[in-house]
C-alpha atoms as a PDB file:
ATOM      1  CA  MET A   1      65.961  -0.461 173.187  1.00  0.00           C
ATOM      2  CA  ASN A   2      67.669   0.532 176.466  1.00  0.00           C
ATOM      3  CA  ARG A   3      67.237   3.992 178.044  1.00  0.00           C
ATOM      4  CA  SER A   4      70.275   4.839 176.661  1.00  0.00           C
ATOM      5  CA  GLN A   5      68.931   4.167 173.298  1.00  0.00           C
ATOM      6  CA  LEU A   6      66.054   6.171 173.648  1.00  0.00           C
ATOM      7  CA  PHE A   7      67.797   8.737 175.014  1.00  0.00           C
ATOM      8  CA  TYR A   8      70.541   9.380 171.874  1.00  0.00           C
ATOM      9  CA  ILE A   9      67.744   8.772 169.022  1.00  0.00           C
ATOM     10  CA  TYR A  10      65.897  11.758 171.348  1.00  0.00           C
ATOM     11  CA  LEU A  11      68.818  14.137 170.906  1.00  0.00           C
ATOM     12  CA  PHE A  12      69.403  13.033 167.372  1.00  0.00           C
ATOM     13  CA  CYS A  13      65.904  13.923 166.506  1.00  0.00           C
ATOM     14  CA  LEU A  14      65.924  17.674 168.553  1.00  0.00           C
ATOM     15  CA  ASN A  15      69.114  18.138 166.807  1.00  0.00           C
ATOM     16  CA  ASN A  16      67.917  18.000 163.812  1.00  0.00           C
ATOM     17  CA  ILE A  17      64.209  18.840 164.017  1.00  0.00           C
ATOM     18  CA  GLY A  18      65.612  22.449 165.087  1.00  0.00           C
ATOM     19  CA  SER A  19      68.567  22.267 162.347  1.00  0.00           C
ATOM     20  CA  ASN A  20      65.720  22.858 159.980  1.00  0.00           C
ATOM     21  CA  HIS A  21      66.725  26.412 159.060  1.00  0.00           C
ATOM     22  CA  GLY A  22      65.108  28.356 156.046  1.00  0.00           C
ATOM     23  CA  TYR A  23      63.265  31.423 154.556  1.00  0.00           C
ATOM     24  CA  TYR A  24      59.138  31.889 154.101  1.00  0.00           C
ATOM     25  CA  LYS A  25      57.798  33.708 150.747  1.00  0.00           C
ATOM     26  CA  PHE A  26      54.265  34.180 150.896  1.00  0.00           C
ATOM     27  CA  ASN A  27      53.227  32.907 147.247  1.00  0.00           C
ATOM     28  CA  SER A  28      49.465  33.982 147.022  1.00  0.00           C
ATOM     29  CA  LEU A  29      47.105  36.571 148.670  1.00  0.00           C
ATOM     30  CA  ARG A  30      43.217  36.972 148.352  1.00  0.00           C
ATOM     31  CA  CYS A  31      40.364  38.334 150.305  1.00  0.00           C
ATOM     32  CA  ASP A  32      36.674  37.627 149.161  1.00  0.00           C
ATOM     33  CA  LEU A  33      34.523  39.696 150.187  1.00  0.00           C
ATOM     34  CA  TYR A  34      30.817  38.160 150.380  1.00  0.00           C
ATOM     35  CA  ASP A  35      28.615  41.468 151.834  1.00  0.00           C
ATOM     36  CA  PRO A  36      30.192  44.782 150.431  1.00  0.00           C
ATOM     37  CA  GLU A  37      27.371  46.344 153.013  1.00  0.00           C
ATOM     38  CA  LEU A  38      29.973  45.325 155.639  1.00  0.00           C
ATOM     39  CA  ALA A  39      33.215  46.895 155.067  1.00  0.00           C
ATOM     40  CA  ASP A  40      35.714  48.181 152.500  1.00  0.00           C
ATOM     41  CA  ILE A  41      38.960  46.480 151.984  1.00  0.00           C
ATOM     42  CA  LYS A  42      41.452  49.020 150.981  1.00  0.00           C
ATOM     43  CA  GLN A  43      44.257  46.888 150.283  1.00  0.00           C
ATOM     44  CA  CYS A  44      44.889  43.010 150.286  1.00  0.00           C
ATOM     45  CA  LEU A  45      48.358  42.668 148.791  1.00  0.00           C
ATOM     46  CA  ILE A  46      51.960  41.295 148.737  1.00  0.00           C
ATOM     47  CA  LYS A  47      54.722  43.725 149.290  1.00  0.00           C
ATOM     48  CA  ALA A  48      58.280  42.228 148.088  1.00  0.00           C
ATOM     49  CA  ILE A  49      60.969  43.011 150.648  1.00  0.00           C
ATOM     50  CA  ASP A  50      63.939  41.400 148.351  1.00  0.00           C
ATOM     51  CA  ARG A  51      64.554  37.929 146.925  1.00  0.00           C
ATOM     52  CA  LYS A  52      63.844  35.461 149.704  1.00  0.00           C
ATOM     53  CA  HIS A  53      61.546  37.343 151.975  1.00  0.00           C
ATOM     54  CA  ASN A  54      57.917  39.373 151.617  1.00  0.00           C
ATOM     55  CA  MET A  55      55.087  40.381 153.696  1.00  0.00           C
ATOM     56  CA  ILE A  56      51.637  40.550 153.393  1.00  0.00           C
ATOM     57  CA  ASN A  57      49.121  43.940 154.072  1.00  0.00           C
ATOM     58  CA  ILE A  58      45.955  43.221 154.924  1.00  0.00           C
ATOM     59  CA  GLU A  59      43.322  46.037 155.384  1.00  0.00           C
ATOM     60  CA  ALA A  60      39.939  46.916 155.970  1.00  0.00           C
ATOM     61  CA  LEU A  61      37.006  49.912 156.802  1.00  0.00           C
ATOM     62  CA  LEU A  62      34.620  48.788 158.614  1.00  0.00           C
ATOM     63  CA  ASN A  63      30.778  50.227 157.049  1.00  0.00           C
ATOM     64  CA  LYS A  64      28.794  48.445 160.081  1.00  0.00           C
ATOM     65  CA  SER A  65      29.677  47.261 164.030  1.00  0.00           C
ATOM     66  CA  ILE A  66      30.037  43.801 164.614  1.00  0.00           C
ATOM     67  CA  LEU A  67      29.263  42.444 167.731  1.00  0.00           C
ATOM     68  CA  GLU A  68      29.705  38.720 167.087  1.00  0.00           C
ATOM     69  CA  LEU A  69      32.944  37.132 165.308  1.00  0.00           C
ATOM     70  CA  LYS A  70      34.085  33.878 164.494  1.00  0.00           C
ATOM     71  CA  ILE A  71      36.449  32.797 162.269  1.00  0.00           C
ATOM     72  CA  HIS A  72      37.427  29.314 160.609  1.00  0.00           C
ATOM     73  CA  PHE A  73      41.312  28.508 159.595  1.00  0.00           C
ATOM     74  CA  LYS A  74      42.894  25.681 158.688  1.00  0.00           C
ATOM     75  CA  VAL A  75      46.553  24.870 157.202  1.00  0.00           C
ATOM     76  CA  VAL A  76      47.285  23.179 154.816  1.00  0.00           C
ATOM     77  CA  LYS A  77      50.186  21.641 153.167  1.00  0.00           C
ATOM     78  CA  ARG A  78      50.736  20.863 148.928  1.00  0.00           C
ATOM     79  CA  GLU A  79      52.292  17.325 148.818  1.00  0.00           C
ATOM     80  CA  ARG A  80      51.106  14.530 145.912  1.00  0.00           C
ATOM     81  CA  GLY A  81      47.613  14.676 144.512  1.00  0.00           C
ATOM     82  CA  GLY A  82      46.900  18.307 145.575  1.00  0.00           C
ATOM     83  CA  TRP A  83      46.476  20.674 148.996  1.00  0.00           C
ATOM     84  CA  HIS A  84      46.546  18.272 152.141  1.00  0.00           C
ATOM     85  CA  PRO A  85      45.245  18.752 156.463  1.00  0.00           C
ATOM     86  CA  PHE A  86      48.279  19.428 158.191  1.00  0.00           C
ATOM     87  CA  LEU A  87      47.913  20.479 161.850  1.00  0.00           C
ATOM     88  CA  TYR A  88      45.581  22.854 162.266  1.00  0.00           C
ATOM     89  CA  ASP A  89      41.755  23.320 161.352  1.00  0.00           C
ATOM     90  CA  MET A  90      39.522  24.730 163.819  1.00  0.00           C
ATOM     91  CA  THR A  91      36.815  27.892 164.697  1.00  0.00           C
ATOM     92  CA  VAL A  92      37.365  30.474 167.156  1.00  0.00           C
ATOM     93  CA  ASP A  93      34.956  33.175 168.477  1.00  0.00           C
ATOM     94  CA  VAL A  94      37.006  36.454 168.459  1.00  0.00           C
ATOM     95  CA  CYS A  95      35.083  37.635 171.236  1.00  0.00           C
ATOM     96  CA  LYS A  96      35.665  34.986 173.356  1.00  0.00           C
ATOM     97  CA  PHE A  97      38.922  34.701 172.560  1.00  0.00           C
ATOM     98  CA  PHE A  98      39.998  37.958 173.369  1.00  0.00           C
ATOM     99  CA  ARG A  99      38.391  38.118 176.852  1.00  0.00           C
ATOM    100  CA  ASN A 100      40.235  34.957 177.834  1.00  0.00           C
ATOM    101  CA  ARG A 101      43.080  34.280 176.082  1.00  0.00           C
ATOM    102  CA  LYS A 102      45.129  31.651 178.289  1.00  0.00           C
ATOM    103  CA  LYS A 103      42.111  29.512 177.475  1.00  0.00           C
ATOM    104  CA  PHE A 104      42.744  29.042 173.359  1.00  0.00           C
ATOM    105  CA  PHE A 105      46.115  27.639 174.117  1.00  0.00           C
ATOM    106  CA  VAL A 106      46.583  27.354 169.786  1.00  0.00           C
ATOM    107  CA  THR A 107      45.136  30.381 168.740  1.00  0.00           C
ATOM    108  CA  ASN A 108      47.062  32.188 172.123  1.00  0.00           C
ATOM    109  CA  PHE A 109      50.310  30.989 170.150  1.00  0.00           C
ATOM    110  CA  LEU A 110      49.440  31.320 166.822  1.00  0.00           C
ATOM    111  CA  TYR A 111      48.048  35.358 167.248  1.00  0.00           C
ATOM    112  CA  THR A 112      51.688  35.858 168.791  1.00  0.00           C
ATOM    113  CA  PHE A 113      52.960  35.820 165.942  1.00  0.00           C
ATOM    114  CA  LEU A 114      50.471  38.089 164.485  1.00  0.00           C
ATOM    115  CA  GLU A 115      49.923  40.406 167.508  1.00  0.00           C
ATOM    116  CA  PRO A 116      52.702  42.888 166.682  1.00  0.00           C
ATOM    117  CA  PHE A 117      51.376  43.482 162.948  1.00  0.00           C
ATOM    118  CA  THR A 118      47.350  43.754 163.906  1.00  0.00           C
ATOM    119  CA  ASN A 119      45.356  45.889 165.535  1.00  0.00           C
ATOM    120  CA  ILE A 120      42.401  43.192 166.386  1.00  0.00           C
ATOM    121  CA  ASN A 121      43.594  42.900 169.463  1.00  0.00           C
ATOM    122  CA  ARG A 122      40.900  43.272 171.606  1.00  0.00           C
ATOM    123  CA  THR A 123      37.242  42.381 171.983  1.00  0.00           C
ATOM    124  CA  CYS A 124      34.188  42.872 170.627  1.00  0.00           C
ATOM    125  CA  PRO A 125      31.797  45.267 169.569  1.00  0.00           C
ATOM    126  CA  TYR A 126      33.706  46.546 166.908  1.00  0.00           C
ATOM    127  CA  LEU A 127      32.032  49.688 165.886  1.00  0.00           C
ATOM    128  CA  ALA A 128      31.463  51.195 162.568  1.00  0.00           C
ATOM    129  CA  GLY A 129      34.354  52.787 160.785  1.00  0.00           C
ATOM    130  CA  THR A 130      36.987  51.293 162.570  1.00  0.00           C
ATOM    131  CA  GLU A 131      40.008  50.629 160.450  1.00  0.00           C
ATOM    132  CA  MET A 132      41.113  46.718 160.580  1.00  0.00           C
ATOM    133  CA  ARG A 133      44.467  45.596 159.266  1.00  0.00           C
ATOM    134  CA  LEU A 134      47.626  43.356 159.470  1.00  0.00           C
ATOM    135  CA  TRP A 135      50.462  45.522 157.956  1.00  0.00           C
ATOM    136  CA  GLN A 136      53.742  44.800 157.236  1.00  0.00           C
ATOM    137  CA  TRP A 137      53.070  41.095 158.572  1.00  0.00           C
ATOM    138  CA  THR A 138      56.168  38.800 157.177  1.00  0.00           C
ATOM    139  CA  PRO A 139      56.653  35.746 159.885  1.00  0.00           C
ATOM    140  CA  ASP A 140      59.865  35.811 161.606  1.00  0.00           C
ATOM    141  CA  GLU A 141      61.609  32.342 160.376  1.00  0.00           C
ATOM    142  CA  ASP A 142      63.967  31.817 163.861  1.00  0.00           C
ATOM    143  CA  GLY A 143      61.291  32.282 166.438  1.00  0.00           C
ATOM    144  CA  PHE A 144      58.607  30.487 164.848  1.00  0.00           C
ATOM    145  CA  LEU A 145      60.933  27.308 163.693  1.00  0.00           C
ATOM    146  CA  ALA A 146      61.869  27.526 167.431  1.00  0.00           C
ATOM    147  CA  LYS A 147      58.518  26.729 168.485  1.00  0.00           C
ATOM    148  CA  LEU A 148      56.834  24.716 165.172  1.00  0.00           C
ATOM    149  CA  PRO A 149      59.675  22.479 163.467  1.00  0.00           C
ATOM    150  CA  MET A 150      58.572  22.047 159.942  1.00  0.00           C
ATOM    151  CA  ASP A 151      59.562  20.146 156.653  1.00  0.00           C
ATOM    152  CA  HIS A 152      60.272  23.130 153.476  1.00  0.00           C
ATOM    153  CA  GLY A 153      57.481  22.425 151.125  1.00  0.00           C
ATOM    154  CA  GLN A 154      54.101  24.913 150.322  1.00  0.00           C
ATOM    155  CA  TYR A 155      51.619  25.486 152.816  1.00  0.00           C
ATOM    156  CA  GLY A 156      48.031  27.151 152.198  1.00  0.00           C
ATOM    157  CA  LEU A 157      46.919  29.641 154.937  1.00  0.00           C
ATOM    158  CA  HIS A 158      42.907  29.341 154.521  1.00  0.00           C
ATOM    159  CA  SER A 159      40.307  31.601 156.624  1.00  0.00           C
ATOM    160  CA  THR A 160      36.280  32.241 157.032  1.00  0.00           C
ATOM    161  CA  TRP A 161      34.799  34.865 158.437  1.00  0.00           C
ATOM    162  CA  TYR A 162      31.251  34.854 159.854  1.00  0.00           C
ATOM    163  CA  ILE A 163      28.925  37.261 161.768  1.00  0.00           C
ATOM    164  CA  ASN A 164      26.505  36.016 162.614  1.00  0.00           C
ATOM    165  CA  LYS A 165      26.233  32.430 161.319  1.00  0.00           C
ATOM    166  CA  SER A 166      27.087  33.895 157.425  1.00  0.00           C
ATOM    167  CA  THR A 167      30.149  34.412 155.989  1.00  0.00           C
ATOM    168  CA  VAL A 168      31.499  37.367 155.171  1.00  0.00           C
ATOM    169  CA  LEU A 169      35.107  36.861 153.924  1.00  0.00           C
ATOM    170  CA  GLN A 170      37.758  34.870 153.058  1.00  0.00           C
ATOM    171  CA  ILE A 171      41.366  35.078 153.074  1.00  0.00           C
ATOM    172  CA  ASN A 172      43.383  32.670 151.914  1.00  0.00           C
ATOM    173  CA  GLY A 173      46.838  32.347 150.568  1.00  0.00           C
ATOM    174  CA  SER A 174      50.240  30.380 150.228  1.00  0.00           C
ATOM    175  CA  ILE A 175      53.569  30.211 151.848  1.00  0.00           C
ATOM    176  CA  LEU A 176      56.340  28.503 150.144  1.00  0.00           C
ATOM    177  CA  PHE A 177      59.437  27.545 152.937  1.00  0.00           C
ATOM    178  CA  PHE A 178      62.442  27.161 151.117  1.00  0.00           C
ATOM    179  CA  GLN A 179      66.110  26.746 151.941  1.00  0.00           C
END
């Protein structure tokens, strides 16, 4: 294959990837708190906006201060035979992340989509009485697809939250990406 053929293949792929337009809609959301003394989950729900869009609200009130927080999150895709790993499966030390966001490229990239909708935006400690929330979040289809093209289908977002190496919370949900 010569250079001009590679160039045209590149343009074809770039054009087709960028044209993958669609809508995101949350299918499910579940918040499981394993340490009820740590916090009270006030809300964990999906709210409809219209037939093609909805948003999620997650809100918790801390009963104890948090000095160390790690989150393990992974993205999976539903295909034949069930859920399969897709793109990310990583653990992030939240305290270190907020001290130097530039050091955590992938986490910072994903956080930019949540940042306008959350009040979790500073480093540890998170003191007792603090309200932590992700409020009225719906994915920006065009902004997300411009940076990370994806196929249509159903994706799962799974997160496990750890304090002092102990599991305290799981937030799991799924998103349907469709035309």
